[in-house]
Amino acid sequence: MPYIKEEEREKYDHLIDKLAVIFNGLDGNDELSGDLNYVIFRLAYLLTHTQTGGKRKYARMAVVLSALNEAGEEFRRRIMGPYEDEAITKNGDVQLKPQHQLLKPSSVQWCPNCPGGKIVQDPHWLGRLLCWKCRSNWGKEEKIEGIN
């Protein structure tokens, strides 16, 4: 939880603000990702190696890892969560139930047009059922983007 007392924040905020200016001046997300990862990793490394005289201590590493994980979770909860809620309001929520007939993995249907032909979900067309043997098909055809 990043909620330390305000007087404690003063010793960090000017350094964090300087880093933010540097990071905001980078070109694109790829450069930001690499540089931010480097800074966070190096800080974590120094926190686990310098105070302990270069010897690794599990308890210290666990504290640092926990802080990294919790900072990420807090960022997700406070920053990304509200952003995603706005996107849901603007664009609509994800459809959580199938809109087309889907076969259950355990169900087997046999083709009425050929002996021994199994009917499966066509991987290229959402909602279309396909016989793997004779290639006959049934159902509403809706092309899935990005699949030929």
N, C-alpha and C. Protein backbone atom coordinates (compact mmCIF):
# COMPACT_ATOMS: atom_id res chain seq x y z
N MET A 1 0.85 -1.17 0.00
CA MET A 1 0.00 0.00 0.00
C MET A 1 0.90 1.24 0.00
N PRO A 2 0.75 2.11 -1.00
CA PRO A 2 1.68 3.23 -1.15
C PRO A 2 1.34 4.47 -0.32
N TYR A 3 0.55 4.31 0.70
CA TYR A 3 0.07 5.48 1.43
C TYR A 3 0.93 5.75 2.66
N ILE A 4 2.12 6.29 2.40
CA ILE A 4 3.00 6.67 3.51
C ILE A 4 2.67 8.10 3.91
N LYS A 5 3.14 8.51 5.07
CA LYS A 5 2.86 9.86 5.56
C LYS A 5 3.45 10.90 4.62
N GLU A 6 2.78 12.05 4.56
CA GLU A 6 3.19 13.11 3.62
C GLU A 6 4.62 13.57 3.86
N GLU A 7 5.03 13.68 5.12
CA GLU A 7 6.41 14.12 5.38
C GLU A 7 7.44 13.08 4.91
N GLU A 8 7.04 11.82 4.84
CA GLU A 8 7.93 10.77 4.32
C GLU A 8 8.03 10.85 2.79
N ARG A 9 6.98 11.30 2.15
CA ARG A 9 6.95 11.38 0.69
C ARG A 9 7.93 12.41 0.15
N GLU A 10 8.20 13.46 0.92
CA GLU A 10 9.05 14.56 0.46
C GLU A 10 10.44 14.10 0.04
N LYS A 11 10.99 13.10 0.72
CA LYS A 11 12.34 12.65 0.38
C LYS A 11 12.38 11.86 -0.93
N TYR A 12 11.23 11.43 -1.43
CA TYR A 12 11.18 10.65 -2.67
C TYR A 12 10.61 11.43 -3.85
N ASP A 13 9.65 12.31 -3.59
CA ASP A 13 8.88 12.92 -4.67
C ASP A 13 9.72 13.70 -5.67
N HIS A 14 10.74 14.43 -5.21
CA HIS A 14 11.54 15.20 -6.18
C HIS A 14 12.33 14.27 -7.10
N LEU A 15 12.76 13.12 -6.59
CA LEU A 15 13.47 12.15 -7.43
C LEU A 15 12.50 11.48 -8.42
N ILE A 16 11.33 11.14 -7.93
CA ILE A 16 10.31 10.52 -8.78
C ILE A 16 9.88 11.49 -9.88
N ASP A 17 9.70 12.76 -9.52
CA ASP A 17 9.31 13.77 -10.50
C ASP A 17 10.36 13.91 -11.60
N LYS A 18 11.64 13.88 -11.23
CA LYS A 18 12.72 13.96 -12.23
C LYS A 18 12.68 12.76 -13.17
N LEU A 19 12.47 11.57 -12.60
CA LEU A 19 12.37 10.37 -13.44
C LEU A 19 11.18 10.47 -14.39
N ALA A 20 10.05 10.97 -13.90
CA ALA A 20 8.86 11.10 -14.74
C ALA A 20 9.11 12.02 -15.93
N VAL A 21 9.84 13.12 -15.71
CA VAL A 21 10.17 14.04 -16.80
C VAL A 21 11.02 13.31 -17.85
N ILE A 22 12.00 12.54 -17.39
CA ILE A 22 12.85 11.78 -18.32
C ILE A 22 12.02 10.76 -19.09
N PHE A 23 11.20 9.98 -18.38
CA PHE A 23 10.38 8.96 -19.03
C PHE A 23 9.38 9.57 -20.01
N ASN A 24 8.78 10.70 -19.66
CA ASN A 24 7.81 11.34 -20.55
C ASN A 24 8.46 11.89 -21.81
N GLY A 25 9.77 12.06 -21.81
CA GLY A 25 10.48 12.53 -22.99
C GLY A 25 10.92 11.42 -23.93
N LEU A 26 10.65 10.18 -23.58
CA LEU A 26 11.06 9.05 -24.42
C LEU A 26 10.14 8.91 -25.62
N ASP A 27 10.68 8.30 -26.67
CA ASP A 27 9.89 8.07 -27.89
C ASP A 27 9.16 6.73 -27.80
N GLY A 28 7.87 6.78 -27.72
CA GLY A 28 7.05 5.58 -27.84
C GLY A 28 7.04 4.67 -26.63
N ASN A 29 6.10 3.74 -26.67
CA ASN A 29 5.91 2.81 -25.56
C ASN A 29 7.01 1.77 -25.46
N ASP A 30 7.63 1.40 -26.59
CA ASP A 30 8.70 0.40 -26.53
C ASP A 30 9.88 0.91 -25.72
N GLU A 31 10.29 2.14 -25.98
CA GLU A 31 11.41 2.72 -25.25
C GLU A 31 11.04 2.92 -23.78
N LEU A 32 9.83 3.41 -23.53
CA LEU A 32 9.37 3.59 -22.15
C LEU A 32 9.37 2.26 -21.41
N SER A 33 8.87 1.22 -22.05
CA SER A 33 8.80 -0.09 -21.41
C SER A 33 10.18 -0.58 -20.99
N GLY A 34 11.13 -0.50 -21.90
CA GLY A 34 12.48 -0.97 -21.60
C GLY A 34 13.16 -0.15 -20.52
N ASP A 35 13.07 1.17 -20.63
CA ASP A 35 13.73 2.04 -19.66
C ASP A 35 13.09 1.94 -18.28
N LEU A 36 11.77 1.92 -18.24
CA LEU A 36 11.07 1.80 -16.96
C LEU A 36 11.38 0.45 -16.31
N ASN A 37 11.39 -0.60 -17.11
CA ASN A 37 11.74 -1.92 -16.60
C ASN A 37 13.16 -1.92 -16.03
N TYR A 38 14.08 -1.29 -16.74
CA TYR A 38 15.47 -1.21 -16.27
C TYR A 38 15.55 -0.51 -14.91
N VAL A 39 14.92 0.65 -14.79
CA VAL A 39 14.99 1.42 -13.55
C VAL A 39 14.39 0.64 -12.38
N ILE A 40 13.22 0.06 -12.61
CA ILE A 40 12.57 -0.70 -11.54
C ILE A 40 13.40 -1.91 -11.16
N PHE A 41 13.91 -2.64 -12.16
CA PHE A 41 14.73 -3.82 -11.87
C PHE A 41 16.00 -3.45 -11.12
N ARG A 42 16.67 -2.41 -11.59
CA ARG A 42 17.93 -2.02 -10.95
C ARG A 42 17.70 -1.57 -9.51
N LEU A 43 16.63 -0.83 -9.27
CA LEU A 43 16.31 -0.43 -7.91
C LEU A 43 16.04 -1.66 -7.04
N ALA A 44 15.27 -2.60 -7.56
CA ALA A 44 14.98 -3.83 -6.81
C ALA A 44 16.27 -4.59 -6.53
N TYR A 45 17.15 -4.66 -7.53
CA TYR A 45 18.43 -5.35 -7.36
C TYR A 45 19.26 -4.68 -6.27
N LEU A 46 19.39 -3.36 -6.34
CA LEU A 46 20.19 -2.65 -5.35
C LEU A 46 19.62 -2.79 -3.95
N LEU A 47 18.31 -2.81 -3.83
CA LEU A 47 17.68 -2.98 -2.51
C LEU A 47 17.92 -4.37 -1.93
N THR A 48 18.15 -5.33 -2.79
CA THR A 48 18.37 -6.70 -2.29
C THR A 48 19.84 -7.08 -2.19
N HIS A 49 20.74 -6.23 -2.66
CA HIS A 49 22.16 -6.60 -2.64
C HIS A 49 23.05 -5.63 -1.87
N THR A 50 22.73 -4.35 -1.82
CA THR A 50 23.66 -3.41 -1.20
C THR A 50 23.56 -3.39 0.32
N GLN A 51 22.37 -3.43 0.86
CA GLN A 51 22.23 -3.39 2.32
C GLN A 51 22.76 -4.67 2.96
N THR A 52 22.72 -5.75 2.23
CA THR A 52 23.13 -7.05 2.77
C THR A 52 24.57 -7.39 2.42
N GLY A 53 25.33 -6.43 1.96
CA GLY A 53 26.74 -6.67 1.63
C GLY A 53 26.92 -7.57 0.42
N GLY A 54 25.97 -7.56 -0.48
CA GLY A 54 26.07 -8.38 -1.69
C GLY A 54 25.54 -9.78 -1.52
N LYS A 55 25.20 -10.15 -0.29
CA LYS A 55 24.65 -11.49 -0.05
C LYS A 55 23.14 -11.44 -0.19
N ARG A 56 22.62 -12.43 -0.86
CA ARG A 56 21.17 -12.47 -1.03
C ARG A 56 20.52 -12.98 0.25
N LYS A 57 19.48 -12.30 0.66
CA LYS A 57 18.69 -12.69 1.83
C LYS A 57 17.24 -12.87 1.36
N TYR A 58 16.69 -14.03 1.62
CA TYR A 58 15.35 -14.33 1.14
C TYR A 58 14.32 -13.33 1.66
N ALA A 59 14.39 -13.02 2.93
CA ALA A 59 13.40 -12.11 3.52
C ALA A 59 13.42 -10.75 2.82
N ARG A 60 14.61 -10.25 2.53
CA ARG A 60 14.72 -8.95 1.86
C ARG A 60 14.16 -9.03 0.43
N MET A 61 14.51 -10.11 -0.29
CA MET A 61 13.99 -10.28 -1.64
C MET A 61 12.47 -10.41 -1.63
N ALA A 62 11.93 -11.11 -0.64
CA ALA A 62 10.48 -11.28 -0.55
C ALA A 62 9.78 -9.94 -0.30
N VAL A 63 10.37 -9.10 0.53
CA VAL A 63 9.79 -7.78 0.80
C VAL A 63 9.79 -6.93 -0.48
N VAL A 64 10.89 -6.95 -1.21
CA VAL A 64 10.99 -6.16 -2.45
C VAL A 64 10.00 -6.68 -3.49
N LEU A 65 9.95 -7.99 -3.67
CA LEU A 65 9.03 -8.57 -4.64
C LEU A 65 7.58 -8.25 -4.27
N SER A 66 7.26 -8.34 -3.01
CA SER A 66 5.91 -8.02 -2.55
C SER A 66 5.56 -6.57 -2.86
N ALA A 67 6.49 -5.66 -2.61
CA ALA A 67 6.25 -4.24 -2.90
C ALA A 67 6.03 -4.02 -4.40
N LEU A 68 6.82 -4.69 -5.24
CA LEU A 68 6.65 -4.56 -6.69
C LEU A 68 5.27 -5.07 -7.12
N ASN A 69 4.89 -6.23 -6.62
CA ASN A 69 3.59 -6.80 -6.96
C ASN A 69 2.44 -5.92 -6.47
N GLU A 70 2.54 -5.47 -5.24
CA GLU A 70 1.46 -4.66 -4.67
C GLU A 70 1.34 -3.30 -5.36
N ALA A 71 2.47 -2.72 -5.78
CA ALA A 71 2.41 -1.46 -6.53
C ALA A 71 1.68 -1.67 -7.85
N GLY A 72 1.97 -2.79 -8.51
CA GLY A 72 1.27 -3.11 -9.76
C GLY A 72 -0.22 -3.31 -9.54
N GLU A 73 -0.57 -4.02 -8.47
CA GLU A 73 -1.99 -4.24 -8.16
C GLU A 73 -2.69 -2.92 -7.83
N GLU A 74 -2.02 -2.06 -7.10
CA GLU A 74 -2.62 -0.77 -6.75
C GLU A 74 -2.79 0.09 -8.00
N PHE A 75 -1.83 0.03 -8.92
CA PHE A 75 -1.95 0.76 -10.19
C PHE A 75 -3.15 0.24 -10.98
N ARG A 76 -3.28 -1.08 -11.02
CA ARG A 76 -4.42 -1.68 -11.73
C ARG A 76 -5.74 -1.23 -11.09
N ARG A 77 -5.82 -1.27 -9.77
CA ARG A 77 -7.06 -0.94 -9.06
C ARG A 77 -7.42 0.55 -9.20
N ARG A 78 -6.43 1.42 -9.00
CA ARG A 78 -6.71 2.86 -8.94
C ARG A 78 -6.70 3.55 -10.31
N ILE A 79 -5.86 3.10 -11.22
CA ILE A 79 -5.68 3.80 -12.49
C ILE A 79 -6.35 3.05 -13.65
N MET A 80 -6.01 1.78 -13.82
CA MET A 80 -6.53 1.02 -14.96
C MET A 80 -8.00 0.65 -14.79
N GLY A 81 -8.41 0.31 -13.57
CA GLY A 81 -9.80 -0.09 -13.33
C GLY A 81 -10.80 0.98 -13.76
N PRO A 82 -10.65 2.22 -13.28
CA PRO A 82 -11.58 3.27 -13.72
C PRO A 82 -11.52 3.53 -15.23
N TYR A 83 -10.34 3.42 -15.83
CA TYR A 83 -10.21 3.60 -17.28
C TYR A 83 -11.02 2.53 -18.01
N GLU A 84 -10.90 1.27 -17.56
CA GLU A 84 -11.64 0.18 -18.19
C GLU A 84 -13.14 0.35 -17.97
N ASP A 85 -13.55 0.83 -16.79
CA ASP A 85 -14.97 1.08 -16.54
C ASP A 85 -15.52 2.14 -17.50
N GLU A 86 -14.73 3.18 -17.78
CA GLU A 86 -15.14 4.20 -18.75
C GLU A 86 -15.29 3.60 -20.14
N ALA A 87 -14.37 2.71 -20.51
CA ALA A 87 -14.44 2.07 -21.83
C ALA A 87 -15.68 1.18 -21.94
N ILE A 88 -16.04 0.50 -20.86
CA ILE A 88 -17.26 -0.32 -20.85
C ILE A 88 -18.48 0.57 -21.05
N THR A 89 -18.53 1.68 -20.33
CA THR A 89 -19.65 2.61 -20.45
C THR A 89 -19.74 3.17 -21.87
N LYS A 90 -18.61 3.51 -22.44
CA LYS A 90 -18.57 4.11 -23.78
C LYS A 90 -18.87 3.10 -24.88
N ASN A 91 -18.26 1.91 -24.80
CA ASN A 91 -18.30 0.94 -25.91
C ASN A 91 -19.20 -0.26 -25.67
N GLY A 92 -19.68 -0.44 -24.44
CA GLY A 92 -20.48 -1.61 -24.12
C GLY A 92 -19.61 -2.72 -23.55
N ASP A 93 -20.22 -3.55 -22.74
CA ASP A 93 -19.50 -4.64 -22.07
C ASP A 93 -19.26 -5.80 -23.02
N VAL A 94 -18.40 -6.71 -22.64
CA VAL A 94 -18.12 -7.92 -23.40
C VAL A 94 -19.32 -8.85 -23.31
N GLN A 95 -19.71 -9.43 -24.44
CA GLN A 95 -20.80 -10.41 -24.45
C GLN A 95 -20.30 -11.66 -23.75
N LEU A 96 -20.91 -12.04 -22.65
CA LEU A 96 -20.42 -13.15 -21.84
C LEU A 96 -21.10 -14.47 -22.15
N LYS A 97 -22.09 -14.48 -23.03
CA LYS A 97 -22.71 -15.74 -23.42
C LYS A 97 -22.58 -15.88 -24.93
N PRO A 98 -22.47 -17.11 -25.43
CA PRO A 98 -22.32 -17.31 -26.87
C PRO A 98 -23.53 -16.80 -27.63
N GLN A 99 -23.27 -16.14 -28.75
CA GLN A 99 -24.35 -15.68 -29.61
C GLN A 99 -24.67 -16.70 -30.69
N HIS A 100 -23.82 -17.69 -30.85
CA HIS A 100 -23.98 -18.69 -31.90
C HIS A 100 -23.98 -20.07 -31.27
N GLN A 101 -24.44 -21.06 -32.03
CA GLN A 101 -24.41 -22.43 -31.56
C GLN A 101 -22.96 -22.89 -31.48
N LEU A 102 -22.55 -23.35 -30.32
CA LEU A 102 -21.20 -23.86 -30.13
C LEU A 102 -21.30 -25.30 -29.66
N LEU A 103 -20.41 -26.14 -30.12
CA LEU A 103 -20.38 -27.53 -29.66
C LEU A 103 -19.63 -27.62 -28.35
N LYS A 104 -20.15 -28.42 -27.45
CA LYS A 104 -19.42 -28.69 -26.23
C LYS A 104 -18.29 -29.66 -26.58
N PRO A 105 -17.10 -29.50 -25.95
CA PRO A 105 -15.98 -30.37 -26.30
C PRO A 105 -16.30 -31.85 -26.13
N SER A 106 -17.17 -32.20 -25.18
CA SER A 106 -17.45 -33.61 -24.93
C SER A 106 -18.52 -34.16 -25.87
N SER A 107 -19.24 -33.29 -26.60
CA SER A 107 -20.31 -33.79 -27.46
C SER A 107 -19.77 -34.15 -28.83
N VAL A 108 -20.25 -35.28 -29.36
CA VAL A 108 -19.88 -35.70 -30.70
C VAL A 108 -21.16 -35.76 -31.52
N GLN A 109 -21.14 -35.13 -32.67
CA GLN A 109 -22.26 -35.22 -33.60
C GLN A 109 -21.73 -35.85 -34.88
N TRP A 110 -22.56 -36.66 -35.50
CA TRP A 110 -22.15 -37.37 -36.70
C TRP A 110 -22.82 -36.77 -37.91
N CYS A 111 -22.11 -36.72 -39.01
CA CYS A 111 -22.61 -36.12 -40.25
C CYS A 111 -23.70 -37.01 -40.85
N PRO A 112 -24.85 -36.42 -41.19
CA PRO A 112 -25.91 -37.22 -41.82
C PRO A 112 -25.62 -37.49 -43.30
N ASN A 113 -24.62 -36.83 -43.88
CA ASN A 113 -24.33 -36.98 -45.31
C ASN A 113 -23.29 -38.04 -45.62
N CYS A 114 -22.50 -38.45 -44.64
CA CYS A 114 -21.46 -39.44 -44.92
C CYS A 114 -21.24 -40.33 -43.71
N PRO A 115 -20.93 -41.61 -43.91
CA PRO A 115 -20.70 -42.50 -42.77
C PRO A 115 -19.37 -42.17 -42.08
N GLY A 116 -19.42 -42.04 -40.78
CA GLY A 116 -18.21 -41.82 -39.99
C GLY A 116 -17.70 -40.39 -39.95
N GLY A 117 -18.43 -39.46 -40.52
CA GLY A 117 -17.99 -38.06 -40.52
C GLY A 117 -18.38 -37.36 -39.23
N LYS A 118 -17.39 -36.82 -38.53
CA LYS A 118 -17.66 -36.08 -37.29
C LYS A 118 -17.92 -34.61 -37.62
N ILE A 119 -18.90 -34.04 -36.93
CA ILE A 119 -19.19 -32.62 -37.08
C ILE A 119 -18.46 -31.87 -35.98
N VAL A 120 -17.73 -30.84 -36.36
CA VAL A 120 -16.95 -30.04 -35.40
C VAL A 120 -17.22 -28.56 -35.65
N GLN A 121 -16.77 -27.72 -34.73
CA GLN A 121 -16.85 -26.27 -34.91
C GLN A 121 -15.84 -25.87 -35.97
N ASP A 122 -16.29 -25.17 -37.01
CA ASP A 122 -15.40 -24.70 -38.06
C ASP A 122 -14.49 -23.63 -37.48
N PRO A 123 -13.15 -23.79 -37.55
CA PRO A 123 -12.25 -22.80 -36.94
C PRO A 123 -12.22 -21.47 -37.69
N HIS A 124 -12.72 -21.44 -38.92
CA HIS A 124 -12.66 -20.21 -39.72
C HIS A 124 -13.96 -19.41 -39.72
N TRP A 125 -15.05 -20.03 -39.30
CA TRP A 125 -16.35 -19.36 -39.35
C TRP A 125 -17.04 -19.55 -38.02
N LEU A 126 -17.33 -18.47 -37.33
CA LEU A 126 -18.01 -18.53 -36.05
C LEU A 126 -19.45 -18.96 -36.25
N GLY A 127 -19.88 -19.98 -35.51
CA GLY A 127 -21.26 -20.44 -35.58
C GLY A 127 -21.52 -21.48 -36.66
N ARG A 128 -20.53 -21.80 -37.49
CA ARG A 128 -20.74 -22.80 -38.54
C ARG A 128 -20.18 -24.13 -38.07
N LEU A 129 -20.96 -25.17 -38.28
CA LEU A 129 -20.53 -26.53 -37.98
C LEU A 129 -20.06 -27.16 -39.27
N LEU A 130 -19.07 -28.04 -39.17
CA LEU A 130 -18.39 -28.55 -40.35
C LEU A 130 -18.12 -30.04 -40.17
N CYS A 131 -18.36 -30.84 -41.22
CA CYS A 131 -17.98 -32.25 -41.20
C CYS A 131 -16.53 -32.33 -41.67
N TRP A 132 -15.69 -32.97 -40.87
CA TRP A 132 -14.28 -33.05 -41.22
C TRP A 132 -14.02 -34.00 -42.39
N LYS A 133 -14.97 -34.88 -42.66
CA LYS A 133 -14.75 -35.86 -43.73
C LYS A 133 -15.23 -35.32 -45.08
N CYS A 134 -16.50 -34.94 -45.18
CA CYS A 134 -17.03 -34.50 -46.48
C CYS A 134 -17.06 -32.98 -46.63
N ARG A 135 -16.72 -32.25 -45.59
CA ARG A 135 -16.63 -30.79 -45.57
C ARG A 135 -17.97 -30.09 -45.72
N SER A 136 -19.09 -30.82 -45.57
CA SER A 136 -20.38 -30.13 -45.61
C SER A 136 -20.54 -29.33 -44.33
N ASN A 137 -21.33 -28.26 -44.40
CA ASN A 137 -21.43 -27.38 -43.24
C ASN A 137 -22.86 -26.93 -43.01
N TRP A 138 -23.11 -26.48 -41.77
CA TRP A 138 -24.42 -26.00 -41.36
C TRP A 138 -24.22 -24.79 -40.46
N GLY A 139 -25.22 -23.95 -40.40
CA GLY A 139 -25.21 -22.87 -39.42
C GLY A 139 -24.94 -21.51 -40.03
N LYS A 140 -25.17 -20.49 -39.23
CA LYS A 140 -24.92 -19.11 -39.64
C LYS A 140 -23.43 -18.92 -39.85
N GLU A 141 -23.07 -18.33 -40.97
CA GLU A 141 -21.66 -18.11 -41.26
C GLU A 141 -21.29 -16.67 -40.97
N GLU A 142 -20.31 -16.49 -40.12
CA GLU A 142 -19.79 -15.17 -39.80
C GLU A 142 -18.27 -15.29 -39.80
N LYS A 143 -17.63 -14.66 -40.77
CA LYS A 143 -16.18 -14.77 -40.92
C LYS A 143 -15.47 -14.23 -39.69
N ILE A 144 -14.47 -14.97 -39.20
CA ILE A 144 -13.67 -14.53 -38.07
C ILE A 144 -12.50 -13.72 -38.62
N GLU A 145 -12.34 -12.49 -38.15
CA GLU A 145 -11.29 -11.59 -38.62
C GLU A 145 -9.91 -12.21 -38.42
N GLY A 146 -9.06 -12.06 -39.43
CA GLY A 146 -7.67 -12.47 -39.30
C GLY A 146 -7.41 -13.93 -39.60
N ILE A 147 -8.46 -14.70 -39.93
CA ILE A 147 -8.27 -16.12 -40.26
C ILE A 147 -8.72 -16.32 -41.69
N ASN A 148 -7.88 -16.96 -42.51
CA ASN A 148 -8.22 -17.20 -43.92
C ASN A 148 -8.98 -18.49 -44.06
